[in-house]
Amino acid sequence: MVELDSQMLRKLQLTELELLKEADRICRKNHIHYNIIAGTLLGAVRHGGFIPWDDDADIALLRPEYEKFRLACKRDLDTERFEFQDDRNTKGYRWGYGKLRMKNTLFLREHQEHMPYFQGVFIDVFPLDCVPDNHLLRSIKNFECFCVRKILWSKVGKIADKSLFKRSLYGMLDKIPEKVILRYFHSMIARGERRKTRVVRILLFPTPNRFYGYLRRWYEHSKTILFENVPFSGIEDYDGYLSFKFGEYMKLPKRSGRKVHPVSRIIL
């Protein structure tokens, strides 16, 4: 695993900042509503930019806006510098959300070296889909999301998991044809679009607690928030969102909780 020193980490963060700027440019040009979220929003509020030890960046869009973003990338993305990936335009891509990547870079996640697509420095572009407002139904939906996520993860899990039993299980799950599970995943998306709910979530990404989702209104109401002295669109009720997701979010975590993603190779 590559250990990122402070100079390399800062260079990575500034590369991700360029990706955020490109996403923002496309959204502004096409009147697409997005928000910086998660650790990116936390960093903006608590640090004025990147959390000092953070190595990624995230934006999120409600599903209709995400679909607009996908189409806008086909027309307006600066393809000399950037590439947008998701399971519909990138062979072998197995994540339930998009990534905007910087060309002429490399950011190989540990145990993902064998994945058959370009793996440059990226930001995550998360679509938010409707899930049931009823908590019991939402918990059932959460289990469905978990199962689909693990099947798609199996290509990595059969190599990465520390448990021999789990590696064997992932090996069996990986025998499910990719097109079959992706077809099922898109049926999940279509079902969510049938009715507008007050709760949404990233279908194939874990939620932080047993609420199994987030309030739609957090993503509907935004304001300009400075991140690294650059204006981006962020959740207006950031206090409610960050308190829900992180608890006492202004309190720095212990060093043991300052996690970074294991990387086997990086070129900036």
Protein backbone atom coordinates (compact mmCIF):
# COMPACT_ATOMS: atom_id res chain seq x y z
CA MET A 1 0.00 0.00 0.00
CA VAL A 2 1.23 3.51 -0.85
CA GLU A 3 1.61 5.80 2.14
CA LEU A 4 0.62 9.33 1.12
CA ASP A 5 2.85 11.97 2.68
CA SER A 6 1.41 15.43 3.31
CA GLN A 7 2.79 16.83 0.04
CA MET A 8 1.34 14.01 -2.07
CA LEU A 9 -1.99 14.14 -0.22
CA ARG A 10 -2.29 17.88 -0.85
CA LYS A 11 -1.51 17.38 -4.53
CA LEU A 12 -4.24 14.70 -4.67
CA GLN A 13 -6.71 17.05 -2.99
CA LEU A 14 -5.97 19.85 -5.45
CA THR A 15 -6.51 17.43 -8.34
CA GLU A 16 -9.89 16.53 -6.84
CA LEU A 17 -10.64 20.23 -6.50
CA GLU A 18 -10.22 20.55 -10.28
CA LEU A 19 -12.73 17.71 -10.70
CA LEU A 20 -15.19 19.49 -8.41
CA LYS A 21 -14.79 22.67 -10.45
CA GLU A 22 -15.53 20.78 -13.66
CA ALA A 23 -18.65 19.18 -12.16
CA ASP A 24 -19.78 22.59 -10.93
CA ARG A 25 -19.15 24.15 -14.36
CA ILE A 26 -21.27 21.53 -16.09
CA CYS A 27 -24.07 21.88 -13.55
CA ARG A 28 -24.13 25.67 -13.79
CA LYS A 29 -24.12 25.62 -17.57
CA ASN A 30 -27.03 23.16 -17.68
CA HIS A 31 -28.99 24.41 -14.64
CA ILE A 32 -28.47 21.14 -12.76
CA HIS A 33 -29.00 21.10 -9.02
CA TYR A 34 -26.26 19.34 -7.00
CA ASN A 35 -24.70 19.49 -3.54
CA ILE A 36 -21.31 18.80 -2.06
CA ILE A 37 -21.99 16.20 0.65
CA ALA A 38 -20.48 13.95 3.32
CA GLY A 39 -16.84 14.65 4.18
CA THR A 40 -16.60 17.32 1.49
CA LEU A 41 -19.40 19.35 3.09
CA LEU A 42 -17.99 18.63 6.55
CA GLY A 43 -14.59 19.85 5.40
CA ALA A 44 -16.10 23.04 4.01
CA VAL A 45 -17.91 23.80 7.27
CA ARG A 46 -15.23 22.71 9.76
CA HIS A 47 -12.00 23.39 7.86
CA GLY A 48 -12.90 25.72 5.00
CA GLY A 49 -11.83 23.02 2.54
CA PHE A 50 -10.58 19.46 2.57
CA ILE A 51 -10.45 17.67 5.90
CA PRO A 52 -6.65 17.62 6.37
CA TRP A 53 -6.36 13.82 6.13
CA ASP A 54 -9.16 13.26 3.57
CA ASP A 55 -8.36 11.77 0.18
CA ASP A 56 -11.69 11.96 -1.67
CA ALA A 57 -14.55 14.30 -2.58
CA ASP A 58 -18.27 13.74 -3.15
CA ILE A 59 -21.24 15.41 -4.75
CA ALA A 60 -24.85 14.16 -4.85
CA LEU A 61 -27.84 14.79 -7.08
CA LEU A 62 -31.44 13.65 -6.87
CA ARG A 63 -32.06 11.05 -9.58
CA PRO A 64 -33.62 13.37 -12.21
CA GLU A 65 -30.70 15.78 -11.83
CA TYR A 66 -28.19 12.93 -12.01
CA GLU A 67 -29.67 11.82 -15.34
CA LYS A 68 -29.35 15.38 -16.62
CA PHE A 69 -25.73 15.40 -15.46
CA ARG A 70 -24.96 12.17 -17.35
CA LEU A 71 -26.34 13.65 -20.56
CA ALA A 72 -24.60 16.97 -19.98
CA CYS A 73 -21.26 15.18 -19.62
CA LYS A 74 -21.73 13.69 -23.10
CA ARG A 75 -22.12 17.20 -24.53
CA ASP A 76 -20.06 19.49 -22.36
CA LEU A 77 -17.38 17.57 -20.48
CA ASP A 78 -13.82 18.67 -21.22
CA THR A 79 -12.82 15.25 -22.53
CA GLU A 80 -9.19 16.25 -22.97
CA ARG A 81 -8.89 16.39 -19.17
CA PHE A 82 -11.79 14.39 -17.73
CA GLU A 83 -13.81 11.19 -18.09
CA PHE A 84 -17.20 10.37 -16.58
CA GLN A 85 -17.87 6.72 -15.72
CA ASP A 86 -20.87 4.73 -14.61
CA ASP A 87 -22.21 1.26 -15.31
CA ARG A 88 -24.02 2.40 -18.47
CA ASN A 89 -20.99 3.79 -20.30
CA THR A 90 -18.02 1.89 -18.84
CA LYS A 91 -17.52 -1.83 -19.41
CA GLY A 92 -16.81 -3.73 -16.20
CA TYR A 93 -17.83 -0.83 -13.93
CA ARG A 94 -19.66 -2.30 -10.93
CA TRP A 95 -20.54 0.63 -8.67
CA GLY A 96 -24.06 2.00 -8.36
CA TYR A 97 -22.99 5.63 -8.84
CA GLY A 98 -20.76 7.63 -11.12
CA LYS A 99 -17.16 8.79 -10.96
CA LEU A 100 -15.66 11.81 -12.64
CA ARG A 101 -11.98 11.08 -13.29
CA MET A 102 -8.93 13.11 -14.20
CA LYS A 103 -7.12 11.83 -17.28
CA ASN A 104 -3.36 11.28 -17.22
CA THR A 105 -3.48 10.28 -13.55
CA LEU A 106 -3.62 6.97 -11.74
CA PHE A 107 -5.29 6.13 -8.43
CA LEU A 108 -5.39 2.36 -7.99
CA ARG A 109 -7.38 1.23 -4.99
CA GLU A 110 -5.88 -1.78 -3.26
CA HIS A 111 -7.35 -5.07 -4.59
CA GLN A 112 -8.98 -3.25 -7.53
CA GLU A 113 -5.97 -3.35 -9.83
CA HIS A 114 -7.67 -6.00 -11.98
CA MET A 115 -10.79 -3.96 -12.71
CA PRO A 116 -11.00 -3.45 -16.49
CA TYR A 117 -11.42 0.32 -16.80
CA PHE A 118 -9.39 3.52 -16.47
CA GLN A 119 -8.70 4.29 -12.81
CA GLY A 120 -7.55 7.88 -12.54
CA VAL A 121 -8.03 10.28 -9.63
CA PHE A 122 -11.77 10.78 -9.14
CA ILE A 123 -14.65 12.32 -7.29
CA ASP A 124 -17.81 10.32 -6.59
CA VAL A 125 -21.05 11.50 -8.20
CA PHE A 126 -23.91 10.01 -6.22
CA PRO A 127 -27.51 9.69 -7.44
CA LEU A 128 -30.20 9.79 -4.75
CA ASP A 129 -33.23 7.57 -5.27
CA CYS A 130 -36.60 7.39 -3.54
CA VAL A 131 -37.06 4.78 -0.83
CA PRO A 132 -40.22 4.04 1.22
CA ASP A 133 -41.24 6.52 3.88
CA ASN A 134 -42.45 3.63 6.01
CA HIS A 135 -39.54 2.48 8.20
CA LEU A 136 -40.30 -1.25 7.97
CA LEU A 137 -40.51 -1.13 4.19
CA ARG A 138 -37.37 0.99 4.11
CA SER A 139 -35.50 -1.59 6.20
CA ILE A 140 -36.54 -4.28 3.70
CA LYS A 141 -35.33 -2.03 0.88
CA ASN A 142 -32.05 -1.64 2.76
CA PHE A 143 -31.57 -5.42 2.77
CA GLU A 144 -32.26 -5.53 -0.96
CA CYS A 145 -29.68 -2.78 -1.51
CA PHE A 146 -27.17 -4.65 0.65
CA CYS A 147 -27.57 -7.86 -1.37
CA VAL A 148 -27.16 -6.16 -4.74
CA ARG A 149 -24.18 -4.15 -3.49
CA LYS A 150 -22.42 -7.28 -2.26
CA ILE A 151 -23.01 -9.12 -5.52
CA LEU A 152 -21.47 -6.25 -7.47
CA TRP A 153 -18.63 -6.00 -4.93
CA SER A 154 -17.89 -9.71 -5.34
CA LYS A 155 -15.40 -9.07 -8.15
CA VAL A 156 -13.25 -7.30 -5.55
CA GLY A 157 -14.40 -9.13 -2.43
CA LYS A 158 -13.22 -12.53 -3.69
CA ILE A 159 -9.69 -11.09 -3.59
CA ALA A 160 -9.82 -8.45 -0.88
CA ASP A 161 -11.73 -9.99 2.02
CA LYS A 162 -9.57 -11.28 4.87
CA SER A 163 -11.90 -14.20 5.57
CA LEU A 164 -11.41 -17.35 3.48
CA PHE A 165 -15.10 -18.18 3.90
CA LYS A 166 -16.18 -14.76 2.64
CA ARG A 167 -13.73 -14.88 -0.25
CA SER A 168 -15.27 -18.20 -1.25
CA LEU A 169 -18.77 -16.76 -0.92
CA TYR A 170 -17.85 -13.76 -3.04
CA GLY A 171 -16.36 -16.15 -5.58
CA MET A 172 -19.74 -17.83 -5.92
CA LEU A 173 -21.58 -14.49 -6.11
CA ASP A 174 -19.21 -13.36 -8.85
CA LYS A 175 -20.58 -16.15 -11.05
CA ILE A 176 -23.86 -14.23 -11.33
CA PRO A 177 -23.69 -12.57 -14.77
CA GLU A 178 -22.94 -8.87 -14.50
CA LYS A 179 -25.67 -7.94 -16.96
CA VAL A 180 -28.25 -9.80 -14.86
CA ILE A 181 -27.49 -7.98 -11.63
CA LEU A 182 -27.19 -4.60 -13.37
CA ARG A 183 -30.56 -5.17 -15.02
CA TYR A 184 -32.01 -5.87 -11.58
CA PHE A 185 -30.32 -2.76 -10.17
CA HIS A 186 -31.92 -0.58 -12.84
CA SER A 187 -35.29 -2.12 -12.06
CA MET A 188 -34.75 -0.92 -8.48
CA ILE A 189 -34.13 2.59 -9.79
CA ALA A 190 -37.29 2.46 -11.93
CA ARG A 191 -39.38 1.31 -8.98
CA GLY A 192 -38.12 4.23 -6.92
CA GLU A 193 -39.19 6.72 -9.57
CA ARG A 194 -42.85 5.67 -9.36
CA ARG A 195 -43.59 7.97 -6.44
CA LYS A 196 -41.91 10.89 -4.74
CA THR A 197 -41.02 10.14 -1.12
CA ARG A 198 -39.62 12.30 1.68
CA VAL A 199 -36.74 9.87 2.17
CA VAL A 200 -33.99 9.20 -0.38
CA ARG A 201 -30.69 7.34 -0.40
CA ILE A 202 -27.77 6.23 -2.53
CA LEU A 203 -29.05 2.74 -3.29
CA LEU A 204 -25.71 0.95 -3.44
CA PHE A 205 -23.85 2.80 -0.71
CA PRO A 206 -24.27 2.15 3.03
CA THR A 207 -26.40 4.55 5.04
CA PRO A 208 -25.01 5.75 8.39
CA ASN A 209 -27.59 4.32 10.77
CA ARG A 210 -30.86 2.47 11.07
CA PHE A 211 -32.85 5.28 9.50
CA TYR A 212 -31.71 3.79 6.16
CA GLY A 213 -31.91 7.03 4.25
CA TYR A 214 -31.75 10.81 4.26
CA LEU A 215 -34.39 13.53 4.13
CA ARG A 216 -35.12 14.65 0.60
CA ARG A 217 -35.46 18.26 1.71
CA TRP A 218 -31.76 18.39 2.60
CA TYR A 219 -30.90 17.99 -1.07
CA GLU A 220 -33.66 20.23 -2.42
CA HIS A 221 -32.55 23.39 -0.62
CA SER A 222 -29.02 24.57 -1.20
CA LYS A 223 -26.81 27.59 -0.73
CA THR A 224 -23.37 28.66 -1.86
CA ILE A 225 -20.65 27.27 0.39
CA LEU A 226 -16.96 28.07 0.03
CA PHE A 227 -14.66 25.07 -0.26
CA GLU A 228 -10.97 25.85 -0.69
CA ASN A 229 -12.09 29.45 -1.39
CA VAL A 230 -14.16 28.23 -4.36
CA PRO A 231 -17.98 28.61 -4.31
CA PHE A 232 -19.91 25.36 -4.63
CA SER A 233 -23.52 24.34 -4.06
CA GLY A 234 -24.02 22.80 -0.61
CA ILE A 235 -26.87 21.72 1.63
CA GLU A 236 -28.55 24.75 3.18
CA ASP A 237 -29.43 22.94 6.42
CA TYR A 238 -25.90 21.64 6.76
CA ASP A 239 -26.20 21.54 10.54
CA GLY A 240 -29.16 19.15 10.42
CA TYR A 241 -27.52 16.97 7.75
CA LEU A 242 -24.06 16.86 9.32
CA SER A 243 -25.45 16.24 12.81
CA PHE A 244 -27.48 13.34 11.44
CA LYS A 245 -24.52 11.85 9.58
CA PHE A 246 -21.61 12.57 11.93
CA GLY A 247 -23.06 13.50 15.32
CA GLU A 248 -20.86 16.17 16.96
CA TYR A 249 -19.37 17.07 13.63
CA MET A 250 -17.28 20.05 14.79
CA LYS A 251 -15.33 17.76 17.13
CA LEU A 252 -12.23 16.24 15.54
CA PRO A 253 -12.13 12.43 15.58
CA LYS A 254 -9.33 10.53 17.28
CA ARG A 255 -6.36 9.69 15.08
CA SER A 256 -7.56 6.09 14.87
CA GLY A 257 -10.74 7.34 13.22
CA ARG A 258 -8.97 9.38 10.55
CA LYS A 259 -9.19 6.81 7.80
CA VAL A 260 -7.89 6.98 4.24
CA HIS A 261 -8.48 4.61 1.35
CA PRO A 262 -5.76 1.99 0.79
CA VAL A 263 -4.03 2.71 -2.52
CA SER A 264 -1.55 0.45 -4.30
CA ARG A 265 -0.32 2.98 -6.87
CA ILE A 266 -0.80 6.67 -7.54
CA ILE A 267 0.38 8.99 -10.32
CA LEU A 268 -0.50 12.70 -10.23
